[in-house]
C-alpha cells in the first residue's frame, strides 16, 4: 500500500484561497482537520477577505411595532432560511419593547425596555445575542437612575476595524454605552465574562454623540468642549472646538450640523453642514492639539456632489453614525428630508473624493454570515462534532 503524503499547509492555503464561494470554503473545512486548521487561521482569513471582499450579509433586522420583536429579512442574494435567525429564543417579552441598537459580525445588540403595567414606569437592559447559535447574555444597566437617556450603545471589536477578525462570537465582545441624566454623562465599557461596567463620569448640562470612528467616540459636552474616548485603551482626552468653525451654534441641533470623523490617514476631521447646502471640512494641523490649530481643509457644495441626482430645495442634515459597521474612513452620513410622508434618504458622502452614495435605511442592521465563529467551533470539537457543526451551518445557505 502506498503511503499517504501530506500536502504542506502553504500549498493547501493557496488552493483554498482560489475558492470564490463562502459555502465551498465551509464545505472544504469539513474535509479534514488540516484543512479546518488552515481555513480557521487568522492570517488565512485576512488574505481570503482581501481577495474576495467582506463576508456575505445574511440579511437585516428591522425594528417592529411597540411590542413586536425585531424581525429578520434575508438578503435576496443569500439563499438561507430566515427562521435560523429568529429571535424567539430571547427572554419572555410580555410588556417589553425591543430595539436593535447595533450589529457587528454575527452579534446583535438590543435594548429591552421592560414596562411596568399600572404605573407607566419601566427599566431597561441591554441584551447581546448570537442568533445563529441561539445564545444571549443580559447586560446589567449602566445607570439605575430614573430619567437617564441612552445616547448610544455599540458593539466594539478588538484589533483593526475588521469585524470578522475582531469579533469572536459570544466568547469575546465589548459593549460601549453612553447615558446622560441628572447633569451627568456616563461612558461605560462592558466586557464579555465580566459582571460590571468600567465607567467614567463627566458633569455637563447636556451631552450628545458627535462622532464615531474605528478608534474613537466623540461627545459634545456644551460650551465648545469635546471629549474623545479611545475605544482600544478606554482613555479620555478633550479639546475645544476651534473658533473658526462656522455653521453651528449652541442648541439641541448641533448633532445634525456637526460630526467628527477620521480620514484615510487616521487624522481627525470636523465636518460641518453650512447653511444646509454645503459641507465644510476642518483638519487639525500637524502637531496641533488645541482648538486654535485647526484649519479649513475644503468646502463641498452638496448639489455638485449629487451630480444632479435627487436635487431638492431642502436643507441637508448630518446623521451621527449609529454603528461601527456603518463607518467608513473619510466619509460622513447625510440626509435630506423628502417632505410629506416620504422617509428621508440617507447618503454617504466621501469628503475626500466628494462622491455620494445612496444607502438603504440606516436604521436597519445587517448581520453577516458567521464564517469564523463556525470554523473555530469546528476546531474545538476534534471528536467529530466539529464536522457536524460545519455541515449544519453549511446547510443554512444551500
Protein backbone atom coordinates (compact mmCIF):
# COMPACT_ATOMS: atom_id res chain seq x y z
CA UNK A 1 0.00 0.00 0.00
CA UNK A 2 1.31 3.44 -0.92
CA UNK A 3 1.95 5.81 1.96
CA UNK A 4 -0.19 8.93 2.09
CA UNK A 5 1.84 12.08 1.53
CA UNK A 6 0.51 15.12 3.39
CA UNK A 7 0.15 18.31 1.39
CA UNK A 8 2.05 21.18 3.05
CA UNK A 9 -0.15 23.81 4.69
CA UNK A 10 1.11 26.60 2.43
CA UNK A 11 0.03 24.63 -0.67
CA UNK A 12 -3.39 23.91 0.86
CA UNK A 13 -3.73 27.61 1.63
CA UNK A 14 -3.03 28.60 -1.98
CA UNK A 15 -5.65 26.13 -3.19
CA UNK A 16 -8.32 27.26 -0.74
CA UNK A 17 -7.70 30.93 -1.47
CA UNK A 18 -8.94 30.27 -5.01
CA UNK A 19 -12.40 29.25 -3.79
CA UNK A 20 -14.73 32.14 -4.54
CA UNK A 21 -17.75 30.73 -2.70
CA UNK A 22 -18.18 31.02 1.05
CA UNK A 23 -20.25 27.84 1.03
CA UNK A 24 -17.47 25.98 -0.80
CA UNK A 25 -14.97 27.19 1.76
CA UNK A 26 -17.13 25.93 4.64
CA UNK A 27 -17.50 22.57 2.88
CA UNK A 28 -13.72 22.43 2.36
CA UNK A 29 -13.21 22.98 6.08
CA UNK A 30 -15.18 19.79 6.81
CA UNK A 31 -12.77 17.66 4.75
CA UNK A 32 -10.13 17.09 7.43
CA UNK A 33 -8.53 18.62 10.49
CA UNK A 34 -5.66 20.06 8.45
CA UNK A 35 -7.98 21.98 6.14
CA UNK A 36 -10.06 23.21 9.09
CA UNK A 37 -6.88 24.45 10.75
CA UNK A 38 -5.76 26.30 7.62
CA UNK A 39 -9.13 27.97 7.00
CA UNK A 40 -9.61 28.97 10.63
CA UNK A 41 -6.20 30.64 10.83
CA UNK A 42 -6.47 34.44 11.24
CA UNK A 43 -3.81 35.12 8.59
CA UNK A 44 -5.68 32.98 6.06
CA UNK A 45 -8.97 34.74 6.81
CA UNK A 46 -7.37 38.15 6.30
CA UNK A 47 -5.95 37.07 2.95
CA UNK A 48 -9.24 35.48 1.89
CA UNK A 49 -11.17 38.62 2.86
CA UNK A 50 -8.76 40.87 0.96
CA UNK A 51 -9.20 38.75 -2.17
CA UNK A 52 -12.95 38.13 -2.03
CA UNK A 53 -14.33 41.04 -0.04
CA UNK A 54 -16.21 41.07 3.27
CA UNK A 55 -18.48 38.19 4.35
CA UNK A 56 -21.88 37.99 2.71
CA UNK A 57 -24.66 39.76 4.58
CA UNK A 58 -27.20 37.16 5.63
CA UNK A 59 -29.89 39.82 5.93
CA UNK A 60 -31.12 42.73 8.02
CA UNK A 61 -33.03 43.14 11.27
CA UNK A 62 -35.89 45.63 11.31
CA UNK A 63 -37.38 47.06 14.50
CA UNK A 64 -41.03 46.12 14.87
CA UNK A 65 -44.04 47.90 16.31
CA UNK A 66 -44.40 48.68 20.02
CA UNK A 67 -44.46 45.15 21.49
CA UNK A 68 -43.13 43.24 18.48
CA UNK A 69 -39.67 41.77 18.41
CA UNK A 70 -37.34 42.89 15.61
CA UNK A 71 -37.79 40.68 12.56
CA UNK A 72 -35.19 39.31 10.17
CA UNK A 73 -35.37 39.78 6.40
CA UNK A 74 -32.90 37.61 4.39
CA UNK A 75 -30.79 39.26 1.72
CA UNK A 76 -32.04 38.48 -1.80
CA UNK A 77 -28.58 37.18 -2.72
CA UNK A 78 -28.32 34.93 0.34
CA UNK A 79 -30.08 31.60 -0.12
CA UNK A 80 -30.71 30.99 3.57
CA UNK A 81 -33.61 30.02 5.75
CA UNK A 82 -34.52 33.14 7.70
CA UNK A 83 -36.01 31.07 10.53
CA UNK A 84 -32.49 30.27 11.71
CA UNK A 85 -32.06 33.97 12.54
CA UNK A 86 -35.28 34.26 14.53
CA UNK A 87 -35.10 35.95 17.95
CA UNK A 88 -37.70 33.66 19.53
CA UNK A 89 -35.04 32.29 21.92
CA UNK A 90 -34.79 35.61 23.79
CA UNK A 91 -36.49 36.04 27.21
CA UNK A 92 -40.25 36.49 27.52
CA UNK A 93 -41.19 39.86 26.07
CA UNK A 94 -44.51 40.47 27.83
CA UNK A 95 -44.81 44.25 28.13
CA UNK A 96 -41.35 44.62 26.58
CA UNK A 97 -40.21 46.98 23.86
CA UNK A 98 -37.25 45.60 21.90
CA UNK A 99 -34.99 47.88 19.83
CA UNK A 100 -31.95 46.86 17.80
CA UNK A 101 -29.05 49.13 18.78
CA UNK A 102 -26.13 47.66 16.88
CA UNK A 103 -24.95 44.70 14.84
CA UNK A 104 -21.36 43.58 14.38
CA UNK A 105 -20.39 40.45 12.51
CA UNK A 106 -22.75 37.74 13.81
CA UNK A 107 -23.65 39.58 17.04
CA UNK A 108 -26.75 41.66 17.69
CA UNK A 109 -27.16 44.24 20.46
CA UNK A 110 -30.69 45.06 21.60
CA UNK A 111 -32.28 47.35 24.14
CA UNK A 112 -35.01 45.64 26.20
CA UNK A 113 -37.36 48.09 27.90
CA UNK A 114 -39.47 46.24 30.46
CA UNK A 115 -42.63 48.23 31.15
CA UNK A 116 -44.43 48.02 34.49
CA UNK A 117 -48.20 47.90 33.93
CA UNK A 118 -50.18 50.34 36.00
CA UNK A 119 -47.59 52.96 36.87
CA UNK A 120 -46.21 53.70 33.41
CA UNK A 121 -42.64 53.13 34.60
CA UNK A 122 -40.07 50.61 33.49
CA UNK A 123 -36.43 49.66 33.37
CA UNK A 124 -34.05 48.94 30.53
CA UNK A 125 -31.40 46.29 29.89
CA UNK A 126 -29.05 45.71 27.02
CA UNK A 127 -29.09 42.19 25.57
CA UNK A 128 -26.35 40.86 23.32
CA UNK A 129 -27.02 37.71 21.33
CA UNK A 130 -25.77 35.49 18.53
CA UNK A 131 -28.96 34.48 16.67
CA UNK A 132 -27.50 31.57 14.73
CA UNK A 133 -26.09 30.00 17.90
CA UNK A 134 -29.28 30.94 19.80
CA UNK A 135 -27.27 32.33 22.70
CA UNK A 136 -27.76 35.57 24.58
CA UNK A 137 -26.50 37.49 27.60
CA UNK A 138 -28.36 40.15 29.57
CA UNK A 139 -26.08 43.07 30.42
CA UNK A 140 -26.78 44.99 33.64
CA UNK A 141 -27.80 48.64 33.18
CA UNK A 142 -25.04 51.24 33.16
CA UNK A 143 -27.17 53.57 35.29
CA UNK A 144 -30.08 52.80 37.60
CA UNK A 145 -31.12 56.44 37.91
CA UNK A 146 -34.56 57.30 36.59
CA UNK A 147 -34.90 59.62 33.60
CA UNK A 148 -31.46 58.78 32.20
CA UNK A 149 -31.31 58.98 28.42
CA UNK A 150 -29.28 56.44 26.47
CA UNK A 151 -27.22 58.41 23.95
CA UNK A 152 -25.82 55.34 22.23
CA UNK A 153 -24.85 51.68 22.59
CA UNK A 154 -22.31 49.95 20.37
CA UNK A 155 -20.59 46.59 19.88
CA UNK A 156 -16.83 47.00 19.73
CA UNK A 157 -14.21 44.65 18.32
CA UNK A 158 -10.53 44.27 19.05
CA UNK A 159 -7.79 44.99 16.55
CA UNK A 160 -8.38 46.97 13.36
CA UNK A 161 -11.84 47.95 12.17
CA UNK A 162 -12.36 44.45 10.79
CA UNK A 163 -15.48 42.81 12.15
CA UNK A 164 -14.53 39.29 11.13
CA UNK A 165 -11.11 39.33 12.75
CA UNK A 166 -12.06 41.10 15.96
CA UNK A 167 -15.40 39.55 16.80
CA UNK A 168 -15.22 36.07 18.32
CA UNK A 169 -18.91 35.49 18.90
CA UNK A 170 -20.28 35.45 22.44
CA UNK A 171 -16.90 34.43 23.86
CA UNK A 172 -15.19 37.74 23.15
CA UNK A 173 -17.02 41.05 22.83
CA UNK A 174 -17.08 44.53 24.29
CA UNK A 175 -20.05 46.87 24.55
CA UNK A 176 -19.81 50.64 24.87
CA UNK A 177 -22.77 52.55 26.29
CA UNK A 178 -23.23 56.28 26.90
CA UNK A 179 -26.07 57.67 29.05
CA UNK A 180 -26.93 61.14 30.32
CA UNK A 181 -29.10 62.29 33.20
CA UNK A 182 -29.05 64.47 36.31
CA UNK A 183 -26.30 66.66 34.79
CA UNK A 184 -24.01 63.64 34.46
CA UNK A 185 -22.76 61.80 31.40
CA UNK A 186 -21.60 58.23 31.94
CA UNK A 187 -19.49 56.34 29.40
CA UNK A 188 -19.09 52.67 30.26
CA UNK A 189 -17.34 49.63 28.79
CA UNK A 190 -18.67 46.11 29.39
CA UNK A 191 -16.51 43.10 28.51
CA UNK A 192 -17.64 39.52 27.97
CA UNK A 193 -17.10 37.41 31.07
CA UNK A 194 -17.49 40.44 33.32
CA UNK A 195 -20.37 41.37 35.62
CA UNK A 196 -19.85 45.11 35.84
CA UNK A 197 -19.14 48.22 33.75
CA UNK A 198 -15.87 50.13 33.72
CA UNK A 199 -17.17 53.67 33.56
CA UNK A 200 -16.20 57.31 33.59
CA UNK A 201 -18.47 60.17 34.67
CA UNK A 202 -18.48 63.73 33.34
CA UNK A 203 -20.54 66.66 34.60
CA UNK A 204 -22.43 68.55 31.93
CA UNK A 205 -25.81 70.20 31.47
CA UNK A 206 -26.35 68.02 28.43
CA UNK A 207 -24.34 65.88 26.04
CA UNK A 208 -24.52 64.50 22.52
CA UNK A 209 -22.55 61.96 20.50
CA UNK A 210 -20.98 63.87 17.61
CA UNK A 211 -18.69 61.26 16.10
CA UNK A 212 -17.86 57.55 15.97
CA UNK A 213 -14.83 56.11 14.21
CA UNK A 214 -12.98 52.81 14.33
CA UNK A 215 -10.73 54.25 17.03
CA UNK A 216 -12.71 56.86 18.98
CA UNK A 217 -16.10 58.13 20.06
CA UNK A 218 -16.66 61.88 20.47
CA UNK A 219 -19.03 63.51 22.97
CA UNK A 220 -20.04 67.17 22.78
CA UNK A 221 -20.40 68.49 26.33
CA UNK A 222 -21.62 72.07 25.57
CA UNK A 223 -19.64 75.32 25.54
CA UNK A 224 -17.49 74.02 22.71
CA UNK A 225 -15.94 71.17 24.72
CA UNK A 226 -15.49 67.78 23.06
CA UNK A 227 -14.41 64.66 24.93
CA UNK A 228 -12.97 61.77 22.95
CA UNK A 229 -12.63 58.20 24.18
CA UNK A 230 -10.07 55.82 22.70
CA UNK A 231 -12.02 52.63 22.01
CA UNK A 232 -8.97 50.43 22.41
CA UNK A 233 -7.45 51.82 25.61
CA UNK A 234 -10.59 53.45 27.15
CA UNK A 235 -8.52 56.59 27.76
CA UNK A 236 -10.19 60.01 27.55
CA UNK A 237 -8.95 63.31 26.18
CA UNK A 238 -10.66 66.60 25.39
CA UNK A 239 -10.35 69.66 23.19
CA UNK A 240 -12.24 72.83 22.38
CA UNK A 241 -13.87 73.31 19.02
CA UNK A 242 -11.93 75.89 17.00
CA UNK A 243 -13.44 79.36 16.85
CA UNK A 244 -13.05 79.40 13.06
CA UNK A 245 -15.82 76.83 12.62
CA UNK A 246 -18.95 78.28 11.04
CA UNK A 247 -22.42 76.88 10.59
CA UNK A 248 -23.31 75.63 14.06
CA UNK A 249 -24.41 77.15 17.35
CA UNK A 250 -25.13 76.05 20.89
CA UNK A 251 -28.51 74.36 20.58
CA UNK A 252 -30.04 70.90 20.54
CA UNK A 253 -29.49 70.56 16.79
CA UNK A 254 -25.71 70.53 16.95
CA UNK A 255 -25.64 66.79 16.31
CA UNK A 256 -27.37 67.42 12.96
CA UNK A 257 -24.90 70.11 11.93
CA UNK A 258 -21.50 68.84 13.03
CA UNK A 259 -19.74 65.49 13.20
CA UNK A 260 -16.20 64.31 13.75
CA UNK A 261 -14.75 61.59 11.57
CA UNK A 262 -11.33 60.23 10.62
CA UNK A 263 -9.71 60.41 7.21
CA UNK A 264 -7.91 57.60 5.49
CA UNK A 265 -4.77 59.00 7.10
CA UNK A 266 -6.43 58.33 10.51
CA UNK A 267 -6.35 62.06 11.31
CA UNK A 268 -9.41 63.76 12.79
CA UNK A 269 -11.72 65.86 10.64
CA UNK A 270 -14.51 68.15 11.86
CA UNK A 271 -17.32 68.22 9.30
CA UNK A 272 -19.99 70.93 9.43
CA UNK A 273 -23.10 71.45 7.29
CA UNK A 274 -23.14 75.16 6.44
CA UNK A 275 -26.47 76.82 5.63
CA UNK A 276 -27.90 73.38 4.84
CA UNK A 277 -26.34 73.24 1.37
CA UNK A 278 -22.58 72.92 1.71
CA UNK A 279 -20.15 70.91 3.80
CA UNK A 280 -17.02 72.39 5.33
CA UNK A 281 -14.18 70.12 6.42
CA UNK A 282 -11.68 71.20 9.06
CA UNK A 283 -8.42 69.34 9.69
CA UNK A 284 -6.07 69.52 12.66
CA UNK A 285 -2.71 70.95 11.69
CA UNK A 286 0.34 68.74 12.17
CA UNK A 287 1.39 68.97 15.78
CA UNK A 288 -1.80 70.75 16.75
CA UNK A 289 -3.60 69.74 19.90
CA UNK A 290 -5.84 72.69 20.76
CA UNK A 291 -8.72 74.42 19.06
CA UNK A 292 -6.59 77.22 17.58
CA UNK A 293 -4.60 74.75 15.50
CA UNK A 294 -7.32 73.67 13.10
CA UNK A 295 -7.71 74.91 9.55
CA UNK A 296 -10.38 74.79 6.86
CA UNK A 297 -9.36 71.98 4.51
CA UNK A 298 -12.11 72.15 1.89
CA UNK A 299 -15.67 73.19 1.11
CA UNK A 300 -18.02 70.82 -0.74
CA UNK A 301 -21.17 72.01 -2.50
CA UNK A 302 -23.64 69.19 -1.91
CA UNK A 303 -25.52 69.91 -5.15
CA UNK A 304 -22.30 69.36 -7.11
CA UNK A 305 -21.50 66.15 -5.25
CA UNK A 306 -25.01 64.91 -6.07
CA UNK A 307 -24.32 65.32 -9.77
CA UNK A 308 -27.89 66.41 -10.42
CA UNK A 309 -29.48 63.34 -8.81
CA UNK A 310 -32.24 63.73 -6.18
CA UNK A 311 -31.97 67.52 -6.08
CA UNK A 312 -34.46 69.27 -3.82
CA UNK A 313 -34.68 72.72 -2.31
CA UNK A 314 -34.45 71.40 1.22
CA UNK A 315 -31.71 71.58 3.81
CA UNK A 316 -29.30 68.75 4.48
CA UNK A 317 -28.56 67.34 7.92
CA UNK A 318 -25.72 65.20 9.19
CA UNK A 319 -26.54 61.80 10.70
CA UNK A 320 -24.43 60.57 13.59
CA UNK A 321 -23.16 57.06 12.83
CA UNK A 322 -25.27 54.60 14.82
CA UNK A 323 -22.97 51.61 14.32
CA UNK A 324 -19.30 50.98 13.62
CA UNK A 325 -20.45 48.78 10.75
CA UNK A 326 -21.62 51.99 9.01
CA UNK A 327 -18.35 53.86 9.50
CA UNK A 328 -16.07 54.39 6.51
CA UNK A 329 -12.83 56.32 6.76
CA UNK A 330 -13.10 59.79 5.24
CA UNK A 331 -16.90 59.66 4.99
CA UNK A 332 -19.95 61.05 6.78
CA UNK A 333 -23.67 60.27 6.59
CA UNK A 334 -26.09 62.98 5.48
CA UNK A 335 -29.80 63.09 4.74
CA UNK A 336 -32.36 65.41 3.17
CA UNK A 337 -35.96 65.49 4.26
CA UNK A 338 -38.33 64.48 1.47
CA UNK A 339 -41.48 66.17 2.74
CA UNK A 340 -44.91 64.66 3.18
CA UNK A 341 -44.97 61.05 4.34
CA UNK A 342 -41.79 60.06 2.49
CA UNK A 343 -38.86 58.93 4.59
CA UNK A 344 -35.60 60.85 4.38
CA UNK A 345 -32.99 59.38 2.06
CA UNK A 346 -29.61 58.65 3.58
CA UNK A 347 -26.35 59.17 1.69
CA UNK A 348 -22.70 58.50 2.44
CA UNK A 349 -20.58 61.49 1.45
CA UNK A 350 -16.88 60.82 0.93
CA UNK A 351 -15.30 64.12 1.95
CA UNK A 352 -12.02 63.15 0.28
CA UNK A 353 -13.31 62.13 -3.16
CA UNK A 354 -16.53 64.27 -2.97
CA UNK A 355 -18.58 61.27 -4.09
CA UNK A 356 -22.03 60.43 -2.73
CA UNK A 357 -23.65 57.02 -2.36
CA UNK A 358 -27.33 56.36 -1.69
CA UNK A 359 -27.73 53.96 1.25
CA UNK A 360 -30.54 51.70 2.43
CA UNK A 361 -32.33 52.67 5.62
CA UNK A 362 -29.51 53.34 8.09
CA UNK A 363 -31.71 52.12 10.96
CA UNK A 364 -31.66 48.56 9.57
CA UNK A 365 -28.89 46.35 10.97
CA UNK A 366 -27.13 43.83 8.74
CA UNK A 367 -25.92 40.55 10.19
CA UNK A 368 -23.09 38.70 8.43
CA UNK A 369 -22.76 35.03 7.60
CA UNK A 370 -20.75 33.92 10.67
CA UNK A 371 -17.89 32.10 8.97
CA UNK A 372 -15.14 32.46 11.53
CA UNK A 373 -17.07 31.51 14.71
CA UNK A 374 -18.29 28.38 12.95
CA UNK A 375 -14.83 27.28 11.93
CA UNK A 376 -13.43 27.95 15.37
CA UNK A 377 -16.20 25.78 16.79
CA UNK A 378 -15.13 23.01 14.42
CA UNK A 379 -11.55 23.11 15.68
CA UNK A 380 -12.71 22.93 19.28
CA UNK A 381 -14.53 19.65 18.58
CA UNK A 382 -11.93 17.17 17.36
CA UNK A 383 -14.12 14.19 18.26
CA UNK A 384 -16.23 14.61 15.16
CA UNK A 385 -18.79 17.10 16.43
CA UNK A 386 -16.96 19.82 14.54
CA UNK A 387 -17.73 18.22 11.20
CA UNK A 388 -21.38 18.04 12.15
CA UNK A 389 -21.41 21.70 13.14
CA UNK A 390 -19.85 22.80 9.85
CA UNK A 391 -22.23 20.70 7.80
CA UNK A 392 -25.20 22.01 9.78
CA UNK A 393 -24.20 25.64 9.23
CA UNK A 394 -23.44 24.99 5.56
CA UNK A 395 -26.96 23.62 5.13
CA UNK A 396 -28.37 27.01 6.10
CA UNK A 397 -27.10 28.54 2.88
CA UNK A 398 -27.56 25.87 0.22
